[in-house]
Amino acid sequence: LTKLQNKKGQKLEIRWKKNTAADEYQIQYSTNTKFKKDAKMVKVPGAKKTSKTVSKLKKGKTYYIRIRVYKKSAGSTYYSDWSSVKKVKIKNK
């Protein structure tokens, strides 16, 4: 993860470095630091993408975000480790 930015309308723009070996990125976000409750997953297809905007977030809440890549090969799916966790507080701009 390289950047988290609040957007107008309780949205969050998430940016990361490109990984050309990936088939898809998975972004997980939650209001819980351990991702045990309220965790949501967003899939971003394609290795060339480097950003995603997530909407319908709750104003005033702190969200924790992490990302990983995965690749399908010979009928198996391989996942990377999760990135380090970053946090952001949602403000109404």
PDB file of N, CA and C in Angstrom:
ATOM      1  N   LEU A   1       0.846  -1.183   0.000  1.00  0.00           N
ATOM      2  CA  LEU A   1       0.000   0.000   0.000  1.00  0.00           C
ATOM      3  C   LEU A   1       0.883   1.236   0.000  1.00  0.00           C
ATOM      4  N   THR A   2       0.556   2.166  -0.862  1.00  0.00           N
ATOM      5  CA  THR A   2       1.365   3.381  -0.915  1.00  0.00           C
ATOM      6  C   THR A   2       0.623   4.611  -0.420  1.00  0.00           C
ATOM      7  N   LYS A   3      -0.714   4.646  -0.592  1.00  0.00           N
ATOM      8  CA  LYS A   3      -1.435   5.856  -0.213  1.00  0.00           C
ATOM      9  C   LYS A   3      -2.900   5.551   0.061  1.00  0.00           C
ATOM     10  N   LEU A   4      -3.423   6.181   1.113  1.00  0.00           N
ATOM     11  CA  LEU A   4      -4.846   6.145   1.433  1.00  0.00           C
ATOM     12  C   LEU A   4      -5.320   7.584   1.475  1.00  0.00           C
ATOM     13  N   GLN A   5      -6.396   7.889   0.747  1.00  0.00           N
ATOM     14  CA  GLN A   5      -6.844   9.273   0.665  1.00  0.00           C
ATOM     15  C   GLN A   5      -8.370   9.347   0.797  1.00  0.00           C
ATOM     16  N   ASN A   6      -8.820  10.198   1.755  1.00  0.00           N
ATOM     17  CA  ASN A   6     -10.248  10.471   1.896  1.00  0.00           C
ATOM     18  C   ASN A   6     -10.754  11.178   0.656  1.00  0.00           C
ATOM     19  N   LYS A   7     -11.936  10.784   0.208  1.00  0.00           N
ATOM     20  CA  LYS A   7     -12.593  11.450  -0.918  1.00  0.00           C
ATOM     21  C   LYS A   7     -13.945  11.958  -0.455  1.00  0.00           C
ATOM     22  N   LYS A   8     -14.475  12.933  -1.164  1.00  0.00           N
ATOM     23  CA  LYS A   8     -15.781  13.491  -0.832  1.00  0.00           C
ATOM     24  C   LYS A   8     -16.859  12.409  -0.901  1.00  0.00           C
ATOM     25  N   GLY A   9     -17.782  12.437   0.057  1.00  0.00           N
ATOM     26  CA  GLY A   9     -18.892  11.486   0.050  1.00  0.00           C
ATOM     27  C   GLY A   9     -18.576  10.182   0.761  1.00  0.00           C
ATOM     28  N   GLN A  10     -17.740  10.223   1.769  1.00  0.00           N
ATOM     29  CA  GLN A  10     -17.383   9.049   2.576  1.00  0.00           C
ATOM     30  C   GLN A  10     -16.806   7.925   1.726  1.00  0.00           C
ATOM     31  N   LYS A  11     -15.866   8.310   0.883  1.00  0.00           N
ATOM     32  CA  LYS A  11     -15.160   7.364   0.027  1.00  0.00           C
ATOM     33  C   LYS A  11     -13.683   7.365   0.380  1.00  0.00           C
ATOM     34  N   LEU A  12     -13.012   6.300   0.011  1.00  0.00           N
ATOM     35  CA  LEU A  12     -11.595   6.158   0.274  1.00  0.00           C
ATOM     36  C   LEU A  12     -10.896   5.655  -0.985  1.00  0.00           C
ATOM     37  N   GLU A  13      -9.855   6.355  -1.395  1.00  0.00           N
ATOM     38  CA  GLU A  13      -9.050   5.908  -2.530  1.00  0.00           C
ATOM     39  C   GLU A  13      -7.826   5.181  -1.982  1.00  0.00           C
ATOM     40  N   ILE A  14      -7.628   3.971  -2.469  1.00  0.00           N
ATOM     41  CA  ILE A  14      -6.523   3.130  -2.032  1.00  0.00           C
ATOM     42  C   ILE A  14      -5.564   2.974  -3.210  1.00  0.00           C
ATOM     43  N   ARG A  15      -4.280   3.231  -2.977  1.00  0.00           N
ATOM     44  CA  ARG A  15      -3.264   3.104  -4.028  1.00  0.00           C
ATOM     45  C   ARG A  15      -2.181   2.123  -3.579  1.00  0.00           C
ATOM     46  N   TRP A  16      -1.612   1.403  -4.553  1.00  0.00           N
ATOM     47  CA  TRP A  16      -0.561   0.447  -4.268  1.00  0.00           C
ATOM     48  C   TRP A  16       0.387   0.371  -5.445  1.00  0.00           C
ATOM     49  N   LYS A  17       1.519  -0.297  -5.227  1.00  0.00           N
ATOM     50  CA  LYS A  17       2.497  -0.494  -6.299  1.00  0.00           C
ATOM     51  C   LYS A  17       2.055  -1.651  -7.185  1.00  0.00           C
ATOM     52  N   LYS A  18       2.324  -1.519  -8.462  1.00  0.00           N
ATOM     53  CA  LYS A  18       1.937  -2.542  -9.442  1.00  0.00           C
ATOM     54  C   LYS A  18       2.779  -3.807  -9.261  1.00  0.00           C
ATOM     55  N   ASN A  19       2.117  -4.946  -9.398  1.00  0.00           N
ATOM     56  CA  ASN A  19       2.790  -6.243  -9.374  1.00  0.00           C
ATOM     57  C   ASN A  19       2.398  -6.969 -10.659  1.00  0.00           C
ATOM     58  N   THR A  20       3.302  -7.026 -11.627  1.00  0.00           N
ATOM     59  CA  THR A  20       2.971  -7.572 -12.943  1.00  0.00           C
ATOM     60  C   THR A  20       2.770  -9.081 -12.929  1.00  0.00           C
ATOM     61  N   ALA A  21       3.188  -9.764 -11.872  1.00  0.00           N
ATOM     62  CA  ALA A  21       3.003 -11.206 -11.786  1.00  0.00           C
ATOM     63  C   ALA A  21       1.610 -11.585 -11.273  1.00  0.00           C
ATOM     64  N   ALA A  22       0.838 -10.616 -10.839  1.00  0.00           N
ATOM     65  CA  ALA A  22      -0.468 -10.895 -10.230  1.00  0.00           C
ATOM     66  C   ALA A  22      -1.555 -11.072 -11.285  1.00  0.00           C
ATOM     67  N   ASP A  23      -2.530 -11.916 -10.969  1.00  0.00           N
ATOM     68  CA  ASP A  23      -3.748 -12.018 -11.772  1.00  0.00           C
ATOM     69  C   ASP A  23      -4.811 -11.076 -11.218  1.00  0.00           C
ATOM     70  N   GLU A  24      -4.787 -10.904  -9.909  1.00  0.00           N
ATOM     71  CA  GLU A  24      -5.805 -10.091  -9.246  1.00  0.00           C
ATOM     72  C   GLU A  24      -5.283  -9.630  -7.891  1.00  0.00           C
ATOM     73  N   TYR A  25      -5.790  -8.490  -7.445  1.00  0.00           N
ATOM     74  CA  TYR A  25      -5.486  -7.977  -6.111  1.00  0.00           C
ATOM     75  C   TYR A  25      -6.702  -8.188  -5.219  1.00  0.00           C
ATOM     76  N   GLN A  26      -6.467  -8.414  -3.943  1.00  0.00           N
ATOM     77  CA  GLN A  26      -7.538  -8.479  -2.962  1.00  0.00           C
ATOM     78  C   GLN A  26      -7.262  -7.433  -1.901  1.00  0.00           C
ATOM     79  N   ILE A  27      -8.246  -6.577  -1.673  1.00  0.00           N
ATOM     80  CA  ILE A  27      -8.142  -5.550  -0.644  1.00  0.00           C
ATOM     81  C   ILE A  27      -9.125  -5.912   0.456  1.00  0.00           C
ATOM     82  N   GLN A  28      -8.640  -5.915   1.681  1.00  0.00           N
ATOM     83  CA  GLN A  28      -9.514  -6.187   2.817  1.00  0.00           C
ATOM     84  C   GLN A  28      -9.515  -4.946   3.698  1.00  0.00           C
ATOM     85  N   TYR A  29     -10.721  -4.550   4.136  1.00  0.00           N
ATOM     86  CA  TYR A  29     -10.812  -3.399   5.040  1.00  0.00           C
ATOM     87  C   TYR A  29     -11.819  -3.684   6.136  1.00  0.00           C
ATOM     88  N   SER A  30     -11.562  -3.083   7.307  1.00  0.00           N
ATOM     89  CA  SER A  30     -12.392  -3.347   8.470  1.00  0.00           C
ATOM     90  C   SER A  30     -12.221  -2.221   9.481  1.00  0.00           C
ATOM     91  N   THR A  31     -13.189  -2.108  10.376  1.00  0.00           N
ATOM     92  CA  THR A  31     -13.058  -1.170  11.495  1.00  0.00           C
ATOM     93  C   THR A  31     -12.370  -1.853  12.669  1.00  0.00           C
ATOM     94  N   ASN A  32     -12.082  -3.137  12.537  1.00  0.00           N
ATOM     95  CA  ASN A  32     -11.432  -3.928  13.573  1.00  0.00           C
ATOM     96  C   ASN A  32      -9.974  -4.162  13.187  1.00  0.00           C
ATOM     97  N   THR A  33      -9.050  -3.926  14.105  1.00  0.00           N
ATOM     98  CA  THR A  33      -7.614  -4.048  13.801  1.00  0.00           C
ATOM     99  C   THR A  33      -7.204  -5.467  13.435  1.00  0.00           C
ATOM    100  N   LYS A  34      -7.918  -6.464  13.927  1.00  0.00           N
ATOM    101  CA  LYS A  34      -7.579  -7.866  13.650  1.00  0.00           C
ATOM    102  C   LYS A  34      -8.377  -8.436  12.473  1.00  0.00           C
ATOM    103  N   PHE A  35      -9.241  -7.621  11.858  1.00  0.00           N
ATOM    104  CA  PHE A  35     -10.073  -8.039  10.720  1.00  0.00           C
ATOM    105  C   PHE A  35     -10.999  -9.201  11.092  1.00  0.00           C
ATOM    106  N   LYS A  36     -11.423  -9.251  12.363  1.00  0.00           N
ATOM    107  CA  LYS A  36     -12.295 -10.329  12.833  1.00  0.00           C
ATOM    108  C   LYS A  36     -13.769  -9.994  12.632  1.00  0.00           C
ATOM    109  N   LYS A  37     -14.128  -8.705  12.806  1.00  0.00           N
ATOM    110  CA  LYS A  37     -15.524  -8.285  12.649  1.00  0.00           C
ATOM    111  C   LYS A  37     -15.598  -7.236  11.544  1.00  0.00           C
ATOM    112  N   ASP A  38     -16.697  -7.194  10.864  1.00  0.00           N
ATOM    113  CA  ASP A  38     -16.967  -6.173   9.845  1.00  0.00           C
ATOM    114  C   ASP A  38     -15.934  -6.125   8.725  1.00  0.00           C
ATOM    115  N   ALA A  39     -15.219  -7.210   8.484  1.00  0.00           N
ATOM    116  CA  ALA A  39     -14.208  -7.212   7.423  1.00  0.00           C
ATOM    117  C   ALA A  39     -14.886  -7.404   6.072  1.00  0.00           C
ATOM    118  N   LYS A  40     -14.478  -6.584   5.117  1.00  0.00           N
ATOM    119  CA  LYS A  40     -15.018  -6.678   3.763  1.00  0.00           C
ATOM    120  C   LYS A  40     -13.861  -6.870   2.796  1.00  0.00           C
ATOM    121  N   MET A  41     -14.135  -7.580   1.701  1.00  0.00           N
ATOM    122  CA  MET A  41     -13.117  -7.878   0.702  1.00  0.00           C
ATOM    123  C   MET A  41     -13.534  -7.281  -0.635  1.00  0.00           C
ATOM    124  N   VAL A  42     -12.572  -6.668  -1.310  1.00  0.00           N
ATOM    125  CA  VAL A  42     -12.794  -6.113  -2.645  1.00  0.00           C
ATOM    126  C   VAL A  42     -11.756  -6.743  -3.562  1.00  0.00           C
ATOM    127  N   LYS A  43     -12.208  -7.262  -4.700  1.00  0.00           N
ATOM    128  CA  LYS A  43     -11.293  -7.842  -5.678  1.00  0.00           C
ATOM    129  C   LYS A  43     -11.074  -6.851  -6.810  1.00  0.00           C
ATOM    130  N   VAL A  44      -9.812  -6.725  -7.235  1.00  0.00           N
ATOM    131  CA  VAL A  44      -9.454  -5.834  -8.330  1.00  0.00           C
ATOM    132  C   VAL A  44      -8.740  -6.672  -9.386  1.00  0.00           C
ATOM    133  N   PRO A  45      -9.429  -6.993 -10.491  1.00  0.00           N
ATOM    134  CA  PRO A  45      -8.807  -7.832 -11.524  1.00  0.00           C
ATOM    135  C   PRO A  45      -7.760  -7.066 -12.330  1.00  0.00           C
ATOM    136  N   GLY A  46      -6.758  -7.789 -12.771  1.00  0.00           N
ATOM    137  CA  GLY A  46      -5.737  -7.203 -13.643  1.00  0.00           C
ATOM    138  C   GLY A  46      -4.515  -6.736 -12.892  1.00  0.00           C
ATOM    139  N   ALA A  47      -3.351  -7.030 -13.453  1.00  0.00           N
ATOM    140  CA  ALA A  47      -2.086  -6.670 -12.817  1.00  0.00           C
ATOM    141  C   ALA A  47      -1.711  -5.210 -13.011  1.00  0.00           C
ATOM    142  N   LYS A  48      -2.329  -4.540 -13.983  1.00  0.00           N
ATOM    143  CA  LYS A  48      -1.935  -3.164 -14.294  1.00  0.00           C
ATOM    144  C   LYS A  48      -2.609  -2.120 -13.417  1.00  0.00           C
ATOM    145  N   LYS A  49      -3.640  -2.498 -12.702  1.00  0.00           N
ATOM    146  CA  LYS A  49      -4.353  -1.539 -11.856  1.00  0.00           C
ATOM    147  C   LYS A  49      -3.509  -1.193 -10.633  1.00  0.00           C
ATOM    148  N   THR A  50      -3.611   0.062 -10.206  1.00  0.00           N
ATOM    149  CA  THR A  50      -2.864   0.494  -9.021  1.00  0.00           C
ATOM    150  C   THR A  50      -3.712   1.313  -8.057  1.00  0.00           C
ATOM    151  N   SER A  51      -5.024   1.355  -8.269  1.00  0.00           N
ATOM    152  CA  SER A  51      -5.869   2.087  -7.330  1.00  0.00           C
ATOM    153  C   SER A  51      -7.296   1.558  -7.365  1.00  0.00           C
ATOM    154  N   LYS A  52      -8.000   1.808  -6.275  1.00  0.00           N
ATOM    155  CA  LYS A  52      -9.400   1.413  -6.151  1.00  0.00           C
ATOM    156  C   LYS A  52     -10.065   2.380  -5.174  1.00  0.00           C
ATOM    157  N   THR A  53     -11.289   2.814  -5.505  1.00  0.00           N
ATOM    158  CA  THR A  53     -12.052   3.666  -4.611  1.00  0.00           C
ATOM    159  C   THR A  53     -13.152   2.844  -3.966  1.00  0.00           C
ATOM    160  N   VAL A  54     -13.204   2.888  -2.642  1.00  0.00           N
ATOM    161  CA  VAL A  54     -14.204   2.164  -1.864  1.00  0.00           C
ATOM    162  C   VAL A  54     -15.186   3.202  -1.331  1.00  0.00           C
ATOM    163  N   SER A  55     -16.485   2.909  -1.449  1.00  0.00           N
ATOM    164  CA  SER A  55     -17.497   3.875  -1.015  1.00  0.00           C
ATOM    165  C   SER A  55     -18.370   3.286   0.083  1.00  0.00           C
ATOM    166  N   LYS A  56     -19.331   4.081   0.532  1.00  0.00           N
ATOM    167  CA  LYS A  56     -20.290   3.706   1.577  1.00  0.00           C
ATOM    168  C   LYS A  56     -19.610   3.397   2.901  1.00  0.00           C
ATOM    169  N   LEU A  57     -18.589   4.188   3.233  1.00  0.00           N
ATOM    170  CA  LEU A  57     -17.915   4.038   4.507  1.00  0.00           C
ATOM    171  C   LEU A  57     -18.574   4.948   5.543  1.00  0.00           C
ATOM    172  N   LYS A  58     -18.396   4.625   6.808  1.00  0.00           N
ATOM    173  CA  LYS A  58     -19.052   5.376   7.882  1.00  0.00           C
ATOM    174  C   LYS A  58     -18.189   6.549   8.326  1.00  0.00           C
ATOM    175  N   LYS A  59     -18.805   7.715   8.342  1.00  0.00           N
ATOM    176  CA  LYS A  59     -18.113   8.936   8.750  1.00  0.00           C
ATOM    177  C   LYS A  59     -17.675   8.837  10.212  1.00  0.00           C
ATOM    178  N   GLY A  60     -16.444   9.265  10.471  1.00  0.00           N
ATOM    179  CA  GLY A  60     -15.914   9.277  11.827  1.00  0.00           C
ATOM    180  C   GLY A  60     -15.275   7.967  12.265  1.00  0.00           C
ATOM    181  N   LYS A  61     -15.393   6.924  11.473  1.00  0.00           N
ATOM    182  CA  LYS A  61     -14.819   5.617  11.817  1.00  0.00           C
ATOM    183  C   LYS A  61     -13.393   5.509  11.280  1.00  0.00           C
ATOM    184  N   THR A  62     -12.566   4.751  11.980  1.00  0.00           N
ATOM    185  CA  THR A  62     -11.226   4.447  11.512  1.00  0.00           C
ATOM    186  C   THR A  62     -11.257   3.079  10.833  1.00  0.00           C
ATOM    187  N   TYR A  63     -10.723   3.032   9.623  1.00  0.00           N
ATOM    188  CA  TYR A  63     -10.678   1.787   8.858  1.00  0.00           C
ATOM    189  C   TYR A  63      -9.233   1.315   8.730  1.00  0.00           C
ATOM    190  N   TYR A  64      -9.074   0.003   8.795  1.00  0.00           N
ATOM    191  CA  TYR A  64      -7.776  -0.640   8.629  1.00  0.00           C
ATOM    192  C   TYR A  64      -7.793  -1.374   7.299  1.00  0.00           C
ATOM    193  N   ILE A  65      -6.719  -1.192   6.534  1.00  0.00           N
ATOM    194  CA  ILE A  65      -6.690  -1.702   5.163  1.00  0.00           C
ATOM    195  C   ILE A  65      -5.421  -2.519   4.943  1.00  0.00           C
ATOM    196  N   ARG A  66      -5.561  -3.623   4.205  1.00  0.00           N
ATOM    197  CA  ARG A  66      -4.398  -4.416   3.780  1.00  0.00           C
ATOM    198  C   ARG A  66      -4.703  -4.985   2.396  1.00  0.00           C
ATOM    199  N   ILE A  67      -3.649  -5.400   1.700  1.00  0.00           N
ATOM    200  CA  ILE A  67      -3.802  -5.877   0.330  1.00  0.00           C
ATOM    201  C   ILE A  67      -2.896  -7.091   0.104  1.00  0.00           C
ATOM    202  N   ARG A  68      -3.298  -7.950  -0.817  1.00  0.00           N
ATOM    203  CA  ARG A  68      -2.456  -9.065  -1.255  1.00  0.00           C
ATOM    204  C   ARG A  68      -2.765  -9.354  -2.717  1.00  0.00           C
ATOM    205  N   VAL A  69      -1.873 -10.100  -3.359  1.00  0.00           N
ATOM    206  CA  VAL A  69      -2.080 -10.494  -4.754  1.00  0.00           C
ATOM    207  C   VAL A  69      -2.255 -11.996  -4.813  1.00  0.00           C
ATOM    208  N   TYR A  70      -2.901 -12.430  -5.901  1.00  0.00           N
ATOM    209  CA  TYR A  70      -2.917 -13.865  -6.129  1.00  0.00           C
ATOM    210  C   TYR A  70      -2.802 -14.167  -7.604  1.00  0.00           C
ATOM    211  N   LYS A  71      -2.344 -15.390  -7.863  1.00  0.00           N
ATOM    212  CA  LYS A  71      -2.101 -15.846  -9.231  1.00  0.00           C
ATOM    213  C   LYS A  71      -2.616 -17.267  -9.360  1.00  0.00           C
ATOM    214  N   LYS A  72      -3.283 -17.524 -10.478  1.00  0.00           N
ATOM    215  CA  LYS A  72      -3.751 -18.877 -10.772  1.00  0.00           C
ATOM    216  C   LYS A  72      -2.787 -19.511 -11.757  1.00  0.00           C
ATOM    217  N   SER A  73      -2.388 -20.744 -11.444  1.00  0.00           N
ATOM    218  CA  SER A  73      -1.442 -21.439 -12.306  1.00  0.00           C
ATOM    219  C   SER A  73      -1.665 -22.942 -12.181  1.00  0.00           C
ATOM    220  N   ALA A  74      -1.828 -23.611 -13.300  1.00  0.00           N
ATOM    221  CA  ALA A  74      -1.979 -25.070 -13.362  1.00  0.00           C
ATOM    222  C   ALA A  74      -3.077 -25.586 -12.421  1.00  0.00           C
ATOM    223  N   GLY A  75      -4.184 -24.878 -12.375  1.00  0.00           N
ATOM    224  CA  GLY A  75      -5.309 -25.313 -11.556  1.00  0.00           C
ATOM    225  C   GLY A  75      -5.205 -24.984 -10.085  1.00  0.00           C
ATOM    226  N   SER A  76      -4.139 -24.334  -9.666  1.00  0.00           N
ATOM    227  CA  SER A  76      -3.962 -23.937  -8.268  1.00  0.00           C
ATOM    228  C   SER A  76      -3.962 -22.419  -8.157  1.00  0.00           C
ATOM    229  N   THR A  77      -4.308 -21.931  -6.991  1.00  0.00           N
ATOM    230  CA  THR A  77      -4.279 -20.494  -6.723  1.00  0.00           C
ATOM    231  C   THR A  77      -3.237 -20.227  -5.651  1.00  0.00           C
ATOM    232  N   TYR A  78      -2.363 -19.265  -5.933  1.00  0.00           N
ATOM    233  CA  TYR A  78      -1.290 -18.913  -5.009  1.00  0.00           C
ATOM    234  C   TYR A  78      -1.505 -17.490  -4.501  1.00  0.00           C
ATOM    235  N   TYR A  79      -1.502 -17.338  -3.180  1.00  0.00           N
ATOM    236  CA  TYR A  79      -1.721 -16.041  -2.545  1.00  0.00           C
ATOM    237  C   TYR A  79      -0.421 -15.532  -1.941  1.00  0.00           C
ATOM    238  N   SER A  80      -0.202 -14.227  -2.030  1.00  0.00           N
ATOM    239  CA  SER A  80       0.927 -13.623  -1.327  1.00  0.00           C
ATOM    240  C   SER A  80       0.517 -13.420   0.132  1.00  0.00           C
ATOM    241  N   ASP A  81       1.464 -13.029   0.947  1.00  0.00           N
ATOM    242  CA  ASP A  81       1.134 -12.629   2.307  1.00  0.00           C
ATOM    243  C   ASP A  81       0.396 -11.303   2.248  1.00  0.00           C
ATOM    244  N   TRP A  82      -0.354 -11.002   3.298  1.00  0.00           N
ATOM    245  CA  TRP A  82      -1.010  -9.699   3.377  1.00  0.00           C
ATOM    246  C   TRP A  82       0.056  -8.620   3.563  1.00  0.00           C
ATOM    247  N   SER A  83      -0.203  -7.448   3.042  1.00  0.00           N
ATOM    248  CA  SER A  83       0.693  -6.308   3.243  1.00  0.00           C
ATOM    249  C   SER A  83       0.602  -5.864   4.695  1.00  0.00           C
ATOM    250  N   SER A  84       1.457  -4.935   5.064  1.00  0.00           N
ATOM    251  CA  SER A  84       1.305  -4.338   6.381  1.00  0.00           C
ATOM    252  C   SER A  84      -0.004  -3.547   6.397  1.00  0.00           C
ATOM    253  N   VAL A  85      -0.569  -3.379   7.564  1.00  0.00           N
ATOM    254  CA  VAL A  85      -1.869  -2.725   7.711  1.00  0.00           C
ATOM    255  C   VAL A  85      -1.674  -1.222   7.835  1.00  0.00           C
ATOM    256  N   LYS A  86      -2.506  -0.482   7.092  1.00  0.00           N
ATOM    257  CA  LYS A  86      -2.531   0.977   7.227  1.00  0.00           C
ATOM    258  C   LYS A  86      -3.918   1.372   7.696  1.00  0.00           C
ATOM    259  N   LYS A  87      -3.994   2.511   8.362  1.00  0.00           N
ATOM    260  CA  LYS A  87      -5.293   2.957   8.844  1.00  0.00           C
ATOM    261  C   LYS A  87      -5.590   4.371   8.378  1.00  0.00           C
ATOM    262  N   VAL A  88      -6.889   4.677   8.311  1.00  0.00           N
ATOM    263  CA  VAL A  88      -7.332   6.005   7.908  1.00  0.00           C
ATOM    264  C   VAL A  88      -8.670   6.282   8.587  1.00  0.00           C
ATOM    265  N   LYS A  89      -8.855   7.525   9.018  1.00  0.00           N
ATOM    266  CA  LYS A  89     -10.124   7.939   9.604  1.00  0.00           C
ATOM    267  C   LYS A  89     -10.945   8.632   8.525  1.00  0.00           C
ATOM    268  N   ILE A  90     -12.201   8.223   8.385  1.00  0.00           N
ATOM    269  CA  ILE A  90     -13.074   8.774   7.344  1.00  0.00           C
ATOM    270  C   ILE A  90     -13.671  10.086   7.840  1.00  0.00           C
ATOM    271  N   LYS A  91     -13.418  11.125   7.071  1.00  0.00           N
ATOM    272  CA  LYS A  91     -13.946  12.451   7.382  1.00  0.00           C
ATOM    273  C   LYS A  91     -14.837  12.889   6.233  1.00  0.00           C
ATOM    274  N   ASN A  92     -15.847  13.658   6.533  1.00  0.00           N
ATOM    275  CA  ASN A  92     -16.715  14.174   5.484  1.00  0.00           C
ATOM    276  C   ASN A  92     -16.116  15.459   4.958  1.00  0.00           C
ATOM    277  N   LYS A  93     -15.650  15.450   3.730  1.00  0.00           N
ATOM    278  CA  LYS A  93     -15.004  16.647   3.151  1.00  0.00           C
ATOM    279  C   LYS A  93     -16.006  17.545   2.502  1.00  0.00           C
TER     280      LYS A  93
END
